[in-house]
Protein backbone atom coordinates (compact mmCIF):
# COMPACT_ATOMS: atom_id res chain seq x y z
CA MET A 1 130.82 160.40 -34.84
CA GLN A 2 126.81 160.13 -36.55
CA ARG A 3 124.36 162.08 -34.72
CA VAL A 4 121.33 160.38 -35.17
CA ARG A 5 118.10 161.80 -33.71
CA ILE A 6 115.37 159.18 -32.36
CA VAL A 7 111.65 160.19 -31.93
CA SER A 8 109.29 158.43 -29.85
CA TRP A 9 105.34 159.08 -29.76
CA ASN A 10 101.85 157.21 -28.87
CA ILE A 11 99.65 158.88 -31.29
CA ARG A 12 96.62 157.30 -30.42
CA LYS A 13 96.07 155.70 -34.00
CA ALA A 14 95.92 159.38 -35.32
CA VAL A 15 92.97 160.51 -33.23
CA GLY A 16 93.73 163.97 -31.33
CA LEU A 17 92.35 165.55 -28.73
CA ASP A 18 89.57 167.12 -30.99
CA TRP A 19 88.43 163.45 -31.71
CA ARG A 20 89.39 163.94 -35.42
CA ARG A 21 91.23 161.14 -36.88
CA ASP A 22 94.09 163.03 -38.77
CA PRO A 23 97.08 161.19 -39.86
CA GLU A 24 98.74 163.77 -42.14
CA ARG A 25 98.56 166.03 -38.68
CA VAL A 26 100.72 163.36 -37.32
CA LEU A 27 102.91 163.22 -40.02
CA ARG A 28 103.24 166.84 -39.83
CA VAL A 29 104.46 167.24 -36.11
CA LEU A 30 106.97 164.29 -37.23
CA LYS A 31 108.24 166.27 -40.03
CA ARG A 32 108.90 169.10 -37.49
CA LEU A 33 110.89 167.26 -35.22
CA GLU A 34 113.71 166.03 -38.08
CA PRO A 35 114.09 162.52 -36.84
CA ASP A 36 116.33 160.01 -38.59
CA ILE A 37 114.17 157.29 -36.41
CA VAL A 38 110.62 157.19 -35.20
CA LEU A 39 109.33 154.97 -33.02
CA LEU A 40 105.53 154.64 -32.48
CA GLN A 41 103.02 152.70 -30.43
CA GLU A 42 98.95 152.67 -31.21
CA SER A 43 100.14 152.68 -34.88
CA ASP A 44 97.11 150.72 -36.30
CA LYS A 45 93.43 151.10 -35.92
CA ARG A 46 91.56 149.28 -32.80
CA LEU A 47 89.57 146.83 -34.96
CA PRO A 48 90.18 143.82 -37.43
CA PRO A 49 92.35 143.49 -39.54
CA ARG A 50 93.64 147.10 -37.90
CA PRO A 51 94.77 148.44 -40.95
CA PRO A 52 97.82 151.54 -40.36
CA ALA A 53 96.20 154.47 -38.75
CA LEU A 54 98.77 156.50 -40.81
CA PRO A 55 98.58 155.34 -44.35
CA LEU A 56 101.44 153.94 -46.16
CA ASP A 57 101.09 156.20 -49.22
CA LEU A 58 101.39 159.29 -47.01
CA VAL A 59 104.06 157.85 -44.63
CA ARG A 60 106.12 157.44 -47.86
CA ARG A 61 105.59 160.78 -49.54
CA ALA A 62 106.47 162.14 -45.85
CA GLY A 63 109.78 161.00 -46.03
CA TRP A 64 110.10 157.77 -44.31
CA THR A 65 110.23 153.88 -44.56
CA ALA A 66 107.73 151.93 -42.38
CA ILE A 67 109.04 148.58 -41.33
CA ASP A 68 106.34 145.56 -41.81
CA ALA A 69 106.46 144.23 -38.64
CA ASP A 70 103.44 141.93 -39.15
CA PRO A 71 103.39 141.09 -42.80
CA ASP A 72 100.14 138.28 -42.16
CA THR A 73 98.38 141.99 -41.37
CA PRO A 74 97.81 144.98 -43.13
CA SER A 75 99.17 147.03 -40.30
CA ILE A 76 102.58 148.41 -40.24
CA GLY A 77 103.34 147.41 -36.18
CA HIS A 78 102.83 144.72 -33.86
CA HIS A 79 100.22 145.61 -30.87
CA GLY A 80 100.56 148.71 -33.06
CA ASN A 81 104.09 149.56 -32.17
CA ALA A 82 106.15 150.34 -35.35
CA ILE A 83 109.04 151.91 -36.69
CA LEU A 84 109.61 154.23 -39.15
CA LEU A 85 113.42 155.15 -40.96
CA LYS A 86 114.29 157.63 -43.09
CA PRO A 87 116.26 156.65 -46.63
CA GLY A 88 119.31 155.19 -46.32
CA ILE A 89 118.77 153.00 -43.41
CA GLN A 90 118.44 149.64 -43.56
CA LEU A 91 116.98 146.59 -42.12
CA LYS A 92 119.26 144.16 -40.96
CA ARG A 93 116.92 142.10 -38.61
CA LEU A 94 113.21 142.06 -37.56
CA VAL A 95 111.93 140.72 -34.00
CA ALA A 96 108.30 141.16 -33.17
CA LEU A 97 107.49 139.96 -29.62
CA ASP A 98 104.18 139.28 -27.57
CA LEU A 99 104.87 140.18 -24.42
CA PRO A 100 103.74 138.67 -21.05
CA GLY A 101 101.07 139.85 -19.15
CA LEU A 102 97.24 140.09 -18.40
CA GLU A 103 96.48 141.99 -21.74
CA PRO A 104 97.61 141.64 -25.14
CA ARG A 105 100.97 143.86 -25.22
CA GLY A 106 103.70 143.62 -27.82
CA ALA A 107 106.66 145.45 -28.71
CA VAL A 108 109.17 145.45 -32.32
CA LEU A 109 113.15 145.25 -32.10
CA ALA A 110 115.47 146.12 -35.57
CA SER A 111 118.71 145.80 -35.98
CA VAL A 112 119.64 148.51 -38.98
CA ASN A 113 122.44 150.09 -40.44
CA ASN A 114 123.91 152.20 -43.15
CA THR A 115 127.45 154.37 -43.40
CA GLY A 116 128.19 155.06 -40.12
CA MET A 117 125.44 153.27 -37.95
CA SER A 118 125.08 150.12 -36.54
CA LEU A 119 121.74 150.11 -33.78
CA THR A 120 119.33 147.98 -32.01
CA LEU A 121 115.80 149.57 -32.26
CA GLY A 122 112.91 149.39 -30.22
CA ALA A 123 109.43 150.48 -29.82
CA LEU A 124 107.25 149.19 -27.12
CA HIS A 125 104.08 149.80 -25.17
CA LEU A 126 103.94 148.21 -21.75
CA GLY A 127 100.70 147.20 -19.84
CA LEU A 128 98.77 149.04 -17.25
CA ARG A 129 99.57 146.88 -14.14
CA ARG A 130 103.19 147.03 -12.51
CA ARG A 131 103.93 143.23 -12.48
CA ASP A 132 102.94 142.99 -15.74
CA ARG A 133 105.53 146.06 -16.72
CA LEU A 134 108.67 144.63 -14.87
CA LEU A 135 107.79 140.98 -16.95
CA GLN A 136 107.46 143.05 -19.69
CA MET A 137 110.61 144.90 -19.85
CA ALA A 138 112.43 141.83 -18.90
CA HIS A 139 111.83 140.09 -21.81
CA VAL A 140 112.04 143.49 -23.88
CA LEU A 141 115.32 143.89 -22.57
CA ASP A 142 116.68 139.96 -23.03
CA ALA A 143 115.61 139.69 -26.79
CA ALA A 144 117.67 142.90 -27.81
CA HIS A 145 120.85 141.71 -25.70
CA GLN A 146 119.93 138.75 -28.14
CA LEU A 147 120.03 141.00 -31.01
CA GLY A 148 123.53 143.21 -29.51
CA GLY A 149 125.39 145.99 -30.08
CA PRO A 150 124.43 149.52 -29.22
CA SER A 151 120.75 149.82 -28.34
CA ILE A 152 117.61 152.47 -27.74
CA ILE A 153 113.99 151.58 -26.77
CA GLY A 154 111.42 153.75 -26.55
CA GLY A 155 107.82 153.70 -25.89
CA ASP A 156 105.04 154.64 -23.41
CA LEU A 157 106.02 152.40 -20.55
CA ASN A 158 102.93 153.42 -18.44
CA GLU A 159 104.76 153.91 -15.22
CA TRP A 160 103.20 156.69 -13.72
CA ARG A 161 105.16 157.58 -10.68
CA ASP A 162 108.66 159.38 -11.48
CA THR A 163 110.94 157.49 -8.64
CA LYS A 164 109.97 153.81 -9.80
CA SER A 165 112.15 152.21 -12.01
CA LEU A 166 111.47 149.04 -14.80
CA LEU A 167 115.26 147.75 -15.21
CA PRO A 168 115.69 144.73 -13.24
CA SER A 169 118.12 144.87 -10.85
CA GLY A 170 121.53 145.06 -11.94
CA SER A 171 120.45 145.88 -15.18
CA HIS A 172 123.24 147.91 -17.42
CA TRP A 173 120.97 149.76 -19.32
CA THR A 174 119.87 153.62 -18.85
CA GLU A 175 116.13 154.62 -18.34
CA ILE A 176 115.64 158.44 -19.61
CA ALA A 177 112.32 160.07 -18.90
CA PRO A 178 113.00 163.33 -21.01
CA GLY A 179 109.97 165.11 -19.36
CA ARG A 180 106.05 165.06 -18.85
CA SER A 181 104.35 164.18 -22.13
CA PHE A 182 100.97 162.78 -20.77
CA HIS A 183 97.96 164.06 -20.54
CA ALA A 184 99.12 166.38 -23.77
CA SER A 185 96.15 169.16 -22.75
CA ALA A 186 98.02 169.68 -19.43
CA PRO A 187 100.85 167.25 -19.07
CA LEU A 188 101.76 166.05 -15.54
CA PHE A 189 103.34 162.06 -16.08
CA LYS A 190 106.36 161.03 -17.64
CA LEU A 191 104.74 157.83 -19.38
CA ASP A 192 107.04 158.20 -22.06
CA ARG A 193 110.98 157.26 -22.11
CA PHE A 194 113.74 155.83 -23.75
CA LEU A 195 116.27 152.84 -22.57
CA ILE A 196 119.72 152.84 -23.72
CA ASN A 197 122.48 150.51 -23.72
CA GLY A 198 125.88 150.88 -25.16
CA ILE A 199 125.02 154.10 -26.91
CA ASP A 200 128.44 156.28 -26.79
CA THR A 201 127.22 159.57 -26.55
CA ILE A 202 123.55 161.53 -25.43
CA ASP A 203 123.36 164.79 -26.91
CA SER A 204 120.21 166.21 -25.64
CA TYR A 205 116.30 165.06 -25.40
CA GLY A 206 113.15 166.17 -24.38
CA VAL A 207 109.54 166.61 -24.93
CA LEU A 208 107.62 168.63 -27.77
CA SER A 209 105.35 171.36 -26.65
CA LYS A 210 101.62 171.22 -26.50
CA ASP A 211 101.66 173.77 -29.25
CA SER A 212 104.42 171.91 -31.29
CA ALA A 213 102.28 169.00 -31.15
CA GLU A 214 99.25 170.65 -33.05
CA ARG A 215 96.45 168.31 -30.12
CA ALA A 216 97.73 165.62 -32.82
CA SER A 217 97.26 162.82 -29.92
CA ASP A 218 96.94 162.35 -26.01
CA HIS A 219 100.77 162.30 -25.85
CA LEU A 220 103.12 164.25 -26.84
CA PRO A 221 106.17 163.17 -28.44
CA ILE A 222 109.69 162.95 -27.42
CA TRP A 223 112.94 163.05 -28.70
CA ILE A 224 116.11 162.20 -28.87
CA ASP A 225 120.24 163.13 -30.12
CA ILE A 226 122.54 160.20 -29.64
CA GLU A 227 126.31 159.85 -31.19
CA LEU A 228 127.60 157.03 -32.89
CA ASN A 229 131.17 156.17 -32.97
CA ASP A 230 132.61 154.87 -36.24
CA ARG A 231 133.24 151.24 -33.81
CA THR A 232 129.86 150.72 -34.07
CA VAL A 233 129.74 150.14 -37.74
CA PRO A 234 130.69 145.95 -38.35
CA GLY A 235 134.05 145.65 -40.33
């Protein structure tokens, strides 16, 4: 069994509650969580050419590799969605998705592996209209199914109601809302969630506290610890 910690966070372009853009503060909070994999939303600046809100040299010095999800631009994400990996985790395949709906939205999926682990990852940020979110969720899960294997997707689902799931009827996926993550100043809503399929063991999950998150974004980071059996590793 291999234990893997995954963090998902909408970093609001590295602009904190004090309205300062401070990428080093964001990376400091992430390092405190000690993740193997980071799934980010709003990781690029708003205006074209949308450079990364987390400069790549700082990301590397913090100990991660950023998957280049949109090589034709200077951004590290696709529609702001980005994946950071610890050294030793190798990218096998990348899929950047444009999602249906009124607003421009997207997601990034990746198959990764290392010794003792093979996993499909996803970072996504869904739309503001529920009917769009339902279409977008179905689109992302279908694409993740094509990649196969144990899968975990994290992101800002923008679903305000605790009792409302965005999963299609009859889905084999499980939605996990670790806790109230928005607004970071007074968390009331579980906007940030994980979607899992085929994961052997979920050890624990949670939301980083307001104090530990250092007011680095209007969302609090969420995290999950999973365990993968050796059978998930291709022979």
